[in-house]
């Protein structure tokens, strides 16, 4: 073992022992709400070396000279795990809840490595029983990769999410998100209605009001309009919403009329008019900028691919891209050519902040279909912000390929409710030896 490795182990052993025996401590933290707080002690210099927040707190221009510091907005278990990580570089998470509480502490005290470890644990262990809580946590911390994972679990494991014992405890914000989903993997809409009704009963208790029908209707005011009563069977509607008395006689009458003869009468205000039942979502949605009419052999090799776009009406996750290139029909080898490269996504926010992400990607050419590149992790595209995605392959795409002719590029396209606006993607004179091609499709999810 190298000397520096041995030295680092010795240092780690010393700091670990300080955590255990509390020697030379010079600061005390009272952590958590007043009714459930715990006391922890620490060493200012070691904590300052770990976190810039602690450094500023203890040794900055406005340093806190107090020996006892109150931390009311962090859970004790989260702060305890943070201390253990600061002293020992070790993290022993047992539940997703512990990981979320620890991540909140890591975010507050600017410990990116600890935050990443917490995220990794949550990604591996989130399930249908915890996904709603994790989604709320991920939205608050703007952990977009976790948001994407949670939405996929909710959309694809919907029945198990809705019938979980934890579901009645979720927040109104997350409930509104779920009932507004276009796709849910449920056999019948009554499953969603029953889950909403149970949630409303628990929410009435949390608000300290009697769970009367009128009060439940009030509690469900922002979510009930998204329940697709017209997608239920007459039997489900009778045994569920109609029997519960949640809807007025007039509302029930119009729903029954439409269940018997669709469209025979208008739907009352506040009642969803959708008649199709929700189904499991596709892997992704596709926004097509252009469709090739015919193909030709490129004059110059292809090396750079790109697209510049803005989603004007919602946030989306870009999960892949399409390129309209194929193998020539005369290609005879059984082995399909494979290419890899570096994909860059850049954007400028309204406050002039620049952001950039890089992904390594790989794609294989085929004779009968265009290339679709799927990312290992999604790229988050915020509403109203212009993004540029470019891919430069490590080797030129040149032999035995055909590229599209007569490309009718769209300046705007709406797919599944998401409106994409496109700008020209250019790369100046630096690519005289190769041809620049725009991506033909954006694969996305929301």
Protein backbone atom coordinates (compact mmCIF):
# COMPACT_ATOMS: atom_id res chain seq x y z
CA UNK A 1 0.00 0.00 0.00
CA UNK A 2 1.28 3.43 -0.87
CA UNK A 3 2.44 5.72 1.93
CA UNK A 4 -0.21 8.35 1.18
CA UNK A 5 -2.96 5.74 1.42
CA UNK A 6 -1.67 4.62 4.81
CA UNK A 7 -1.45 8.23 5.99
CA UNK A 8 -5.03 8.96 4.88
CA UNK A 9 -6.27 5.90 6.76
CA UNK A 10 -4.48 7.06 9.90
CA UNK A 11 -6.03 10.52 9.62
CA UNK A 12 -9.47 9.00 9.05
CA UNK A 13 -8.99 6.78 12.11
CA UNK A 14 -8.13 9.81 14.25
CA UNK A 15 -11.13 11.84 13.10
CA UNK A 16 -13.39 8.80 13.59
CA UNK A 17 -12.18 8.45 17.16
CA UNK A 18 -12.98 12.13 17.78
CA UNK A 19 -16.59 11.44 16.80
CA UNK A 20 -16.77 8.58 19.28
CA UNK A 21 -15.09 10.04 22.38
CA UNK A 22 -16.15 13.70 21.97
CA UNK A 23 -12.67 14.96 22.92
CA UNK A 24 -11.91 18.67 22.41
CA UNK A 25 -15.42 19.53 21.17
CA UNK A 26 -16.08 23.27 21.00
CA UNK A 27 -19.58 23.61 19.53
CA UNK A 28 -22.97 22.13 20.39
CA UNK A 29 -25.91 21.81 18.01
CA UNK A 30 -29.55 21.51 19.11
CA UNK A 31 -31.15 19.94 16.06
CA UNK A 32 -34.79 19.45 15.07
CA UNK A 33 -38.10 20.96 16.18
CA UNK A 34 -38.47 21.93 19.82
CA UNK A 35 -40.68 18.94 20.61
CA UNK A 36 -38.23 16.39 19.16
CA UNK A 37 -34.78 17.95 19.21
CA UNK A 38 -31.46 16.19 19.88
CA UNK A 39 -28.06 17.47 20.99
CA UNK A 40 -24.86 16.91 19.02
CA UNK A 41 -21.34 18.18 19.67
CA UNK A 42 -18.58 18.81 17.17
CA UNK A 43 -15.23 20.40 16.36
CA UNK A 44 -15.41 23.72 14.55
CA UNK A 45 -12.16 23.36 12.65
CA UNK A 46 -13.01 19.90 11.29
CA UNK A 47 -16.54 20.91 10.30
CA UNK A 48 -15.19 24.07 8.64
CA UNK A 49 -12.81 21.92 6.58
CA UNK A 50 -15.79 19.83 5.46
CA UNK A 51 -18.37 22.46 4.57
CA UNK A 52 -18.09 26.06 3.29
CA UNK A 53 -21.25 26.86 5.25
CA UNK A 54 -19.62 25.78 8.52
CA UNK A 55 -16.44 27.65 7.53
CA UNK A 56 -18.39 30.87 7.08
CA UNK A 57 -20.41 30.20 10.24
CA UNK A 58 -17.37 29.69 12.47
CA UNK A 59 -14.57 31.69 10.83
CA UNK A 60 -16.16 34.15 8.40
CA UNK A 61 -16.55 37.91 8.80
CA UNK A 62 -19.92 37.40 10.47
CA UNK A 63 -18.87 34.32 12.44
CA UNK A 64 -21.24 33.01 15.12
CA UNK A 65 -19.32 33.05 18.42
CA UNK A 66 -22.03 31.13 20.28
CA UNK A 67 -21.08 27.72 21.61
CA UNK A 68 -24.65 26.41 21.23
CA UNK A 69 -26.28 26.63 17.78
CA UNK A 70 -29.95 25.92 17.13
CA UNK A 71 -30.78 24.10 13.88
CA UNK A 72 -34.57 23.82 13.66
CA UNK A 73 -35.00 23.10 9.94
CA UNK A 74 -33.00 19.83 9.81
CA UNK A 75 -34.12 16.45 11.14
CA UNK A 76 -31.84 14.93 13.81
CA UNK A 77 -31.15 11.77 11.80
CA UNK A 78 -30.13 13.86 8.79
CA UNK A 79 -27.72 15.96 10.83
CA UNK A 80 -26.34 12.88 12.58
CA UNK A 81 -25.58 11.22 9.24
CA UNK A 82 -23.95 14.44 8.04
CA UNK A 83 -21.68 14.50 11.09
CA UNK A 84 -20.76 10.85 10.61
CA UNK A 85 -19.90 11.52 6.99
CA UNK A 86 -17.83 14.60 7.91
CA UNK A 87 -15.78 12.67 10.48
CA UNK A 88 -15.52 9.23 8.88
CA UNK A 89 -16.41 9.53 5.16
CA UNK A 90 -18.91 6.73 5.88
CA UNK A 91 -22.65 6.75 5.29
CA UNK A 92 -24.99 4.11 6.65
CA UNK A 93 -28.47 4.73 5.25
CA UNK A 94 -31.23 2.30 6.20
CA UNK A 95 -34.37 3.79 4.64
CA UNK A 96 -35.35 6.10 1.81
CA UNK A 97 -36.71 8.54 4.39
CA UNK A 98 -33.32 8.66 6.14
CA UNK A 99 -31.67 9.33 2.79
CA UNK A 100 -34.05 12.21 2.03
CA UNK A 101 -33.49 13.79 5.45
CA UNK A 102 -29.74 13.44 5.05
CA UNK A 103 -29.86 14.89 1.54
CA UNK A 104 -31.71 17.93 2.90
CA UNK A 105 -28.89 18.46 5.42
CA UNK A 106 -26.27 17.95 2.69
CA UNK A 107 -28.00 20.54 0.51
CA UNK A 108 -28.11 23.10 3.32
CA UNK A 109 -24.44 22.68 4.24
CA UNK A 110 -23.22 22.38 0.62
CA UNK A 111 -21.82 18.85 0.68
CA UNK A 112 -22.22 17.72 -2.96
CA UNK A 113 -20.53 14.33 -2.47
CA UNK A 114 -22.85 13.44 0.40
CA UNK A 115 -25.84 14.70 -1.59
CA UNK A 116 -24.85 12.50 -4.53
CA UNK A 117 -24.57 9.42 -2.30
CA UNK A 118 -28.03 10.10 -0.88
CA UNK A 119 -29.48 10.47 -4.38
CA UNK A 120 -27.83 7.21 -5.45
CA UNK A 121 -29.38 5.40 -2.49
CA UNK A 122 -32.84 6.83 -3.21
CA UNK A 123 -32.63 5.93 -6.91
CA UNK A 124 -31.83 2.32 -6.04
CA UNK A 125 -34.46 1.96 -3.32
CA UNK A 126 -37.48 4.11 -4.27
CA UNK A 127 -40.59 1.97 -4.68
CA UNK A 128 -44.34 2.34 -5.18
CA UNK A 129 -44.75 2.80 -1.40
CA UNK A 130 -42.32 5.73 -1.18
CA UNK A 131 -42.49 7.26 -4.65
CA UNK A 132 -44.96 10.05 -3.79
CA UNK A 133 -42.84 11.26 -0.88
CA UNK A 134 -39.70 11.04 -3.01
CA UNK A 135 -41.36 13.01 -5.82
CA UNK A 136 -42.22 15.87 -3.46
CA UNK A 137 -38.67 15.80 -2.07
CA UNK A 138 -37.15 15.77 -5.58
CA UNK A 139 -39.31 18.70 -6.72
CA UNK A 140 -38.29 20.76 -3.68
CA UNK A 141 -34.59 20.06 -4.26
CA UNK A 142 -34.89 20.34 -8.05
CA UNK A 143 -33.40 16.86 -8.41
CA UNK A 144 -34.67 16.42 -11.96
CA UNK A 145 -33.30 12.91 -12.49
CA UNK A 146 -35.27 11.76 -9.44
CA UNK A 147 -38.41 13.56 -10.63
CA UNK A 148 -38.14 11.69 -13.95
CA UNK A 149 -37.73 8.34 -12.17
CA UNK A 150 -40.68 9.00 -9.86
CA UNK A 151 -43.02 10.00 -12.70
CA UNK A 152 -42.12 6.80 -14.53
CA UNK A 153 -42.88 4.70 -11.45
CA UNK A 154 -46.20 6.48 -10.89
CA UNK A 155 -47.22 6.11 -14.56
CA UNK A 156 -46.21 2.45 -14.85
CA UNK A 157 -46.94 1.09 -11.37
CA UNK A 158 -50.04 3.22 -10.88
CA UNK A 159 -52.29 0.57 -9.31
CA UNK A 160 -49.71 -0.30 -6.65
CA UNK A 161 -49.02 3.39 -5.95
CA UNK A 162 -52.72 4.24 -5.57
CA UNK A 163 -53.49 1.26 -3.32
CA UNK A 164 -50.40 1.67 -1.13
CA UNK A 165 -51.04 2.22 2.57
CA UNK A 166 -48.96 5.43 2.34
CA UNK A 167 -51.04 7.01 -0.40
CA UNK A 168 -53.65 8.74 1.86
CA UNK A 169 -50.76 10.61 3.54
CA UNK A 170 -49.39 12.33 0.43
CA UNK A 171 -49.52 16.10 -0.05
CA UNK A 172 -52.17 17.88 -2.08
CA UNK A 173 -49.52 19.05 -4.56
CA UNK A 174 -48.47 15.48 -5.40
CA UNK A 175 -52.10 14.32 -5.53
CA UNK A 176 -52.89 17.06 -8.07
CA UNK A 177 -49.89 15.94 -10.13
CA UNK A 178 -51.13 12.33 -10.19
CA UNK A 179 -54.79 12.98 -11.07
CA UNK A 180 -53.70 15.22 -13.95
CA UNK A 181 -51.47 12.53 -15.53
CA UNK A 182 -52.58 11.65 -19.04
CA UNK A 183 -51.35 8.08 -18.69
CA UNK A 184 -51.75 5.81 -15.66
CA UNK A 185 -51.45 2.04 -15.65
CA UNK A 186 -54.87 1.26 -14.15
CA UNK A 187 -57.59 -1.07 -15.42
CA UNK A 188 -60.41 1.27 -14.45
CA UNK A 189 -60.82 4.89 -13.35
CA UNK A 190 -62.62 3.74 -10.20
CA UNK A 191 -59.18 2.82 -8.79
CA UNK A 192 -58.09 6.44 -8.96
CA UNK A 193 -61.43 7.67 -7.59
CA UNK A 194 -61.26 5.30 -4.59
CA UNK A 195 -57.71 6.40 -3.80
CA UNK A 196 -58.77 10.05 -4.00
CA UNK A 197 -61.77 9.45 -1.75
CA UNK A 198 -59.61 7.72 0.90
CA UNK A 199 -57.09 10.56 0.70
CA UNK A 200 -59.87 13.12 1.22
CA UNK A 201 -61.05 11.35 4.39
CA UNK A 202 -57.54 11.48 5.84
CA UNK A 203 -57.06 15.06 4.69
CA UNK A 204 -60.23 16.10 6.50
CA UNK A 205 -58.74 14.72 9.71
CA UNK A 206 -55.50 16.63 9.08
CA UNK A 207 -57.54 19.81 8.64
CA UNK A 208 -59.51 19.05 11.81
CA UNK A 209 -62.89 19.04 10.03
CA UNK A 210 -65.67 16.47 10.08
CA UNK A 211 -65.50 14.05 7.10
CA UNK A 212 -69.01 14.87 5.92
CA UNK A 213 -69.85 14.59 2.24
CA UNK A 214 -69.95 18.38 1.85
CA UNK A 215 -66.55 18.75 3.55
CA UNK A 216 -65.05 15.93 1.47
CA UNK A 217 -66.30 17.62 -1.70
CA UNK A 218 -64.58 20.81 -0.55
CA UNK A 219 -61.35 18.95 0.22
CA UNK A 220 -61.44 17.38 -3.25
CA UNK A 221 -62.27 20.68 -4.96
CA UNK A 222 -59.04 20.94 -7.02
CA UNK A 223 -58.72 17.24 -7.86
CA UNK A 224 -62.26 15.95 -8.49
CA UNK A 225 -62.56 17.73 -11.90
CA UNK A 226 -59.81 15.44 -13.24
CA UNK A 227 -61.58 12.16 -12.41
CA UNK A 228 -62.89 10.59 -15.62
CA UNK A 229 -66.35 9.51 -14.53
CA UNK A 230 -67.34 8.98 -18.17
CA UNK A 231 -64.56 6.38 -18.51
CA UNK A 232 -66.12 4.24 -15.74
CA UNK A 233 -68.63 1.50 -16.29
CA UNK A 234 -72.20 2.24 -15.16
CA UNK A 235 -71.75 -0.35 -12.42
CA UNK A 236 -68.52 1.21 -11.10
CA UNK A 237 -70.05 4.68 -11.14
CA UNK A 238 -73.18 3.47 -9.34
CA UNK A 239 -71.33 1.59 -6.60
CA UNK A 240 -68.73 4.33 -6.16
CA UNK A 241 -69.33 8.08 -6.71
CA UNK A 242 -73.13 7.88 -7.09
CA UNK A 243 -73.66 5.78 -3.94
CA UNK A 244 -71.26 7.92 -1.88
CA UNK A 245 -73.39 11.00 -2.53
CA UNK A 246 -70.33 13.04 -3.41
CA UNK A 247 -71.94 14.31 -6.62
CA UNK A 248 -75.25 16.12 -6.86
CA UNK A 249 -78.33 14.41 -8.35
CA UNK A 250 -78.07 16.64 -11.41
CA UNK A 251 -74.40 15.69 -11.94
CA UNK A 252 -75.22 11.99 -11.53
CA UNK A 253 -78.13 12.27 -13.97
CA UNK A 254 -75.98 13.82 -16.73
CA UNK A 255 -73.18 11.30 -16.16
CA UNK A 256 -75.60 8.35 -16.33
CA UNK A 257 -77.11 9.78 -19.53
CA UNK A 258 -73.68 10.02 -21.16
CA UNK A 259 -72.67 6.56 -19.97
CA UNK A 260 -75.78 5.18 -21.67
CA UNK A 261 -75.53 7.28 -24.85
CA UNK A 262 -72.20 9.19 -25.18
CA UNK A 263 -72.71 12.85 -26.00
CA UNK A 264 -76.48 12.84 -25.54
CA UNK A 265 -76.33 15.71 -23.05
CA UNK A 266 -73.81 18.30 -21.95
CA UNK A 267 -71.51 17.52 -19.04
CA UNK A 268 -72.01 19.73 -15.97
CA UNK A 269 -69.34 22.29 -15.20
CA UNK A 270 -66.55 20.84 -13.07
CA UNK A 271 -67.05 17.29 -14.39
CA UNK A 272 -64.34 15.84 -16.64
CA UNK A 273 -65.59 15.26 -20.20
CA UNK A 274 -62.90 12.69 -21.13
CA UNK A 275 -64.38 9.31 -22.05
CA UNK A 276 -61.24 7.26 -22.68
CA UNK A 277 -59.71 5.28 -19.84
CA UNK A 278 -56.12 5.91 -18.84
CA UNK A 279 -53.55 3.42 -20.04
CA UNK A 280 -49.87 2.72 -19.46
CA UNK A 281 -47.70 5.38 -21.16
CA UNK A 282 -45.30 4.82 -24.05
CA UNK A 283 -41.59 4.71 -23.34
CA UNK A 284 -41.32 8.26 -24.70
CA UNK A 285 -43.10 10.81 -26.88
CA UNK A 286 -41.70 12.00 -30.21
CA UNK A 287 -41.51 15.53 -31.60
CA UNK A 288 -40.64 15.34 -35.32
CA UNK A 289 -38.92 18.33 -36.88
CA UNK A 290 -38.75 16.88 -40.39
CA UNK A 291 -39.49 13.62 -42.18
CA UNK A 292 -37.22 12.49 -45.01
CA UNK A 293 -38.89 12.17 -48.42
CA UNK A 294 -35.96 10.45 -50.11
CA UNK A 295 -32.32 9.65 -49.43
CA UNK A 296 -28.96 10.36 -51.06
CA UNK A 297 -25.32 9.60 -50.43
CA UNK A 298 -23.73 12.55 -48.52
CA UNK A 299 -21.16 14.60 -50.43
CA UNK A 300 -18.99 14.97 -47.32
CA UNK A 301 -18.65 12.76 -44.23
CA UNK A 302 -21.05 13.42 -41.34
CA UNK A 303 -19.41 14.35 -38.05
CA UNK A 304 -21.57 16.92 -36.27
CA UNK A 305 -25.29 16.63 -35.45
CA UNK A 306 -27.36 19.18 -33.56
CA UNK A 307 -30.64 20.90 -32.74
CA UNK A 308 -31.66 24.19 -31.15
CA UNK A 309 -35.09 24.43 -29.54
CA UNK A 310 -37.33 25.95 -26.88
CA UNK A 311 -40.31 24.24 -25.24
CA UNK A 312 -42.73 27.11 -24.78
CA UNK A 313 -45.47 25.69 -22.56
CA UNK A 314 -44.08 23.07 -20.17
CA UNK A 315 -40.99 21.46 -18.66
CA UNK A 316 -39.94 18.23 -20.37
CA UNK A 317 -37.24 15.57 -20.09
CA UNK A 318 -35.32 14.94 -23.30
CA UNK A 319 -34.57 11.21 -23.27
CA UNK A 320 -33.12 10.80 -26.75
CA UNK A 321 -32.75 12.10 -30.30
CA UNK A 322 -33.41 10.82 -33.81
CA UNK A 323 -31.14 11.14 -36.86
CA UNK A 324 -32.41 10.42 -40.38
CA UNK A 325 -29.46 8.39 -41.63
CA UNK A 326 -29.44 4.74 -42.69
CA UNK A 327 -27.22 2.13 -44.24
CA UNK A 328 -27.33 1.96 -48.02
CA UNK A 329 -29.46 -0.93 -49.28
CA UNK A 330 -26.34 -2.30 -50.98
CA UNK A 331 -24.48 -2.67 -47.69
CA UNK A 332 -23.48 -6.34 -47.55
CA UNK A 333 -21.66 -6.91 -44.23
CA UNK A 334 -23.53 -8.70 -41.45
CA UNK A 335 -21.88 -6.43 -38.86
CA UNK A 336 -23.66 -3.11 -38.44
CA UNK A 337 -21.43 -0.03 -38.05
CA UNK A 338 -21.36 1.47 -34.55
CA UNK A 339 -20.37 5.03 -33.63
CA UNK A 340 -19.82 6.85 -30.37
CA UNK A 341 -19.33 10.47 -29.46
CA UNK A 342 -19.80 13.24 -26.93
CA UNK A 343 -23.17 14.96 -26.72
CA UNK A 344 -23.34 18.45 -25.21
CA UNK A 345 -26.45 20.27 -24.02
CA UNK A 346 -26.07 24.02 -23.34
CA UNK A 347 -28.51 26.76 -22.40
CA UNK A 348 -28.65 30.31 -21.06
CA UNK A 349 -31.20 31.15 -18.37
CA UNK A 350 -33.00 34.55 -18.19
CA UNK A 351 -30.61 35.66 -15.41
CA UNK A 352 -27.67 35.07 -17.84
CA UNK A 353 -26.51 31.91 -16.06
CA UNK A 354 -25.03 29.35 -18.41
CA UNK A 355 -25.58 25.61 -17.93
CA UNK A 356 -23.96 22.69 -19.69
CA UNK A 357 -24.26 18.92 -19.52
CA UNK A 358 -22.27 16.27 -21.33
CA UNK A 359 -23.19 12.67 -22.11
CA UNK A 360 -21.31 9.90 -23.87
CA UNK A 361 -23.58 8.26 -26.46
CA UNK A 362 -23.43 5.40 -28.93
CA UNK A 363 -25.56 4.45 -31.93
CA UNK A 364 -25.74 1.70 -34.54
CA UNK A 365 -26.79 2.10 -38.18
CA UNK A 366 -29.43 -0.09 -39.84
CA UNK A 367 -30.85 -0.40 -43.38
CA UNK A 368 -34.55 -0.25 -42.58
CA UNK A 369 -34.88 2.46 -39.94
CA UNK A 370 -33.45 5.81 -38.84
CA UNK A 371 -31.10 6.14 -35.90
CA UNK A 372 -32.59 6.67 -32.45
CA UNK A 373 -30.15 7.63 -29.68
CA UNK A 374 -31.49 6.97 -26.17
CA UNK A 375 -29.74 8.61 -23.23
CA UNK A 376 -28.64 6.79 -20.08
CA UNK A 377 -30.08 9.69 -18.08
CA UNK A 378 -32.57 12.36 -19.22
CA UNK A 379 -31.75 15.99 -19.95
CA UNK A 380 -34.12 18.40 -18.21
CA UNK A 381 -35.47 21.18 -20.45
CA UNK A 382 -37.11 24.05 -18.58
CA UNK A 383 -40.08 25.84 -20.12
CA UNK A 384 -39.18 28.98 -22.09
CA UNK A 385 -35.40 28.40 -22.11
CA UNK A 386 -33.54 27.84 -25.39
CA UNK A 387 -31.38 24.72 -25.51
CA UNK A 388 -28.74 23.65 -27.99
CA UNK A 389 -27.77 20.00 -28.22
CA UNK A 390 -24.86 18.96 -30.38
CA UNK A 391 -23.16 15.63 -30.96
CA UNK A 392 -19.70 15.19 -32.40
CA UNK A 393 -18.83 11.62 -33.29
CA UNK A 394 -15.36 10.30 -32.61
CA UNK A 395 -15.04 9.05 -36.18
CA UNK A 396 -16.70 10.35 -39.33
CA UNK A 397 -19.92 8.72 -40.50
CA UNK A 398 -19.08 8.30 -44.16
CA UNK A 399 -19.14 4.88 -45.80
CA UNK A 400 -22.23 3.00 -46.98
CA UNK A 401 -24.78 5.49 -45.64
CA UNK A 402 -27.65 7.52 -47.06
CA UNK A 403 -28.99 10.83 -45.72
CA UNK A 404 -32.37 12.53 -46.35
CA UNK A 405 -33.28 14.81 -49.26
CA UNK A 406 -35.99 17.50 -49.34
CA UNK A 407 -36.01 18.24 -45.66
CA UNK A 408 -38.98 20.44 -44.85
CA UNK A 409 -37.92 21.79 -41.49
CA UNK A 410 -40.66 22.88 -39.12
CA UNK A 411 -40.19 26.04 -37.10
CA UNK A 412 -42.77 24.89 -34.54
CA UNK A 413 -44.32 21.55 -33.71
CA UNK A 414 -46.68 20.40 -30.94
CA UNK A 415 -46.44 16.80 -29.76
CA UNK A 416 -48.56 15.39 -26.92
CA UNK A 417 -49.33 18.91 -25.74
CA UNK A 418 -45.68 20.08 -25.67
CA UNK A 419 -44.90 22.91 -28.12
CA UNK A 420 -41.36 22.99 -29.50
CA UNK A 421 -40.00 26.04 -31.31
CA UNK A 422 -36.89 25.44 -33.44
CA UNK A 423 -34.02 27.68 -34.54
CA UNK A 424 -31.37 26.89 -37.15
CA UNK A 425 -28.38 24.89 -35.92
CA UNK A 426 -25.13 26.06 -37.54
CA UNK A 427 -21.43 25.39 -37.13
CA UNK A 428 -19.70 28.00 -39.33
CA UNK A 429 -16.51 27.30 -41.29
CA UNK A 430 -14.91 24.91 -38.86
CA UNK A 431 -16.45 21.89 -40.54
CA UNK A 432 -15.41 22.40 -44.17
CA UNK A 433 -14.26 18.78 -44.29
CA UNK A 434 -17.51 17.38 -42.90
CA UNK A 435 -21.23 17.96 -43.18
CA UNK A 436 -23.43 19.22 -40.34
CA UNK A 437 -26.84 17.57 -39.93
CA UNK A 438 -29.76 18.50 -37.68
CA UNK A 439 -31.53 15.95 -35.52
CA UNK A 440 -34.86 14.98 -37.05
CA UNK A 441 -36.62 13.96 -33.81
CA UNK A 442 -36.62 14.83 -30.13
CA UNK A 443 -37.62 11.97 -27.84
CA UNK A 444 -39.10 13.35 -24.62
CA UNK A 445 -41.21 12.63 -21.54
CA UNK A 446 -43.09 14.82 -19.08
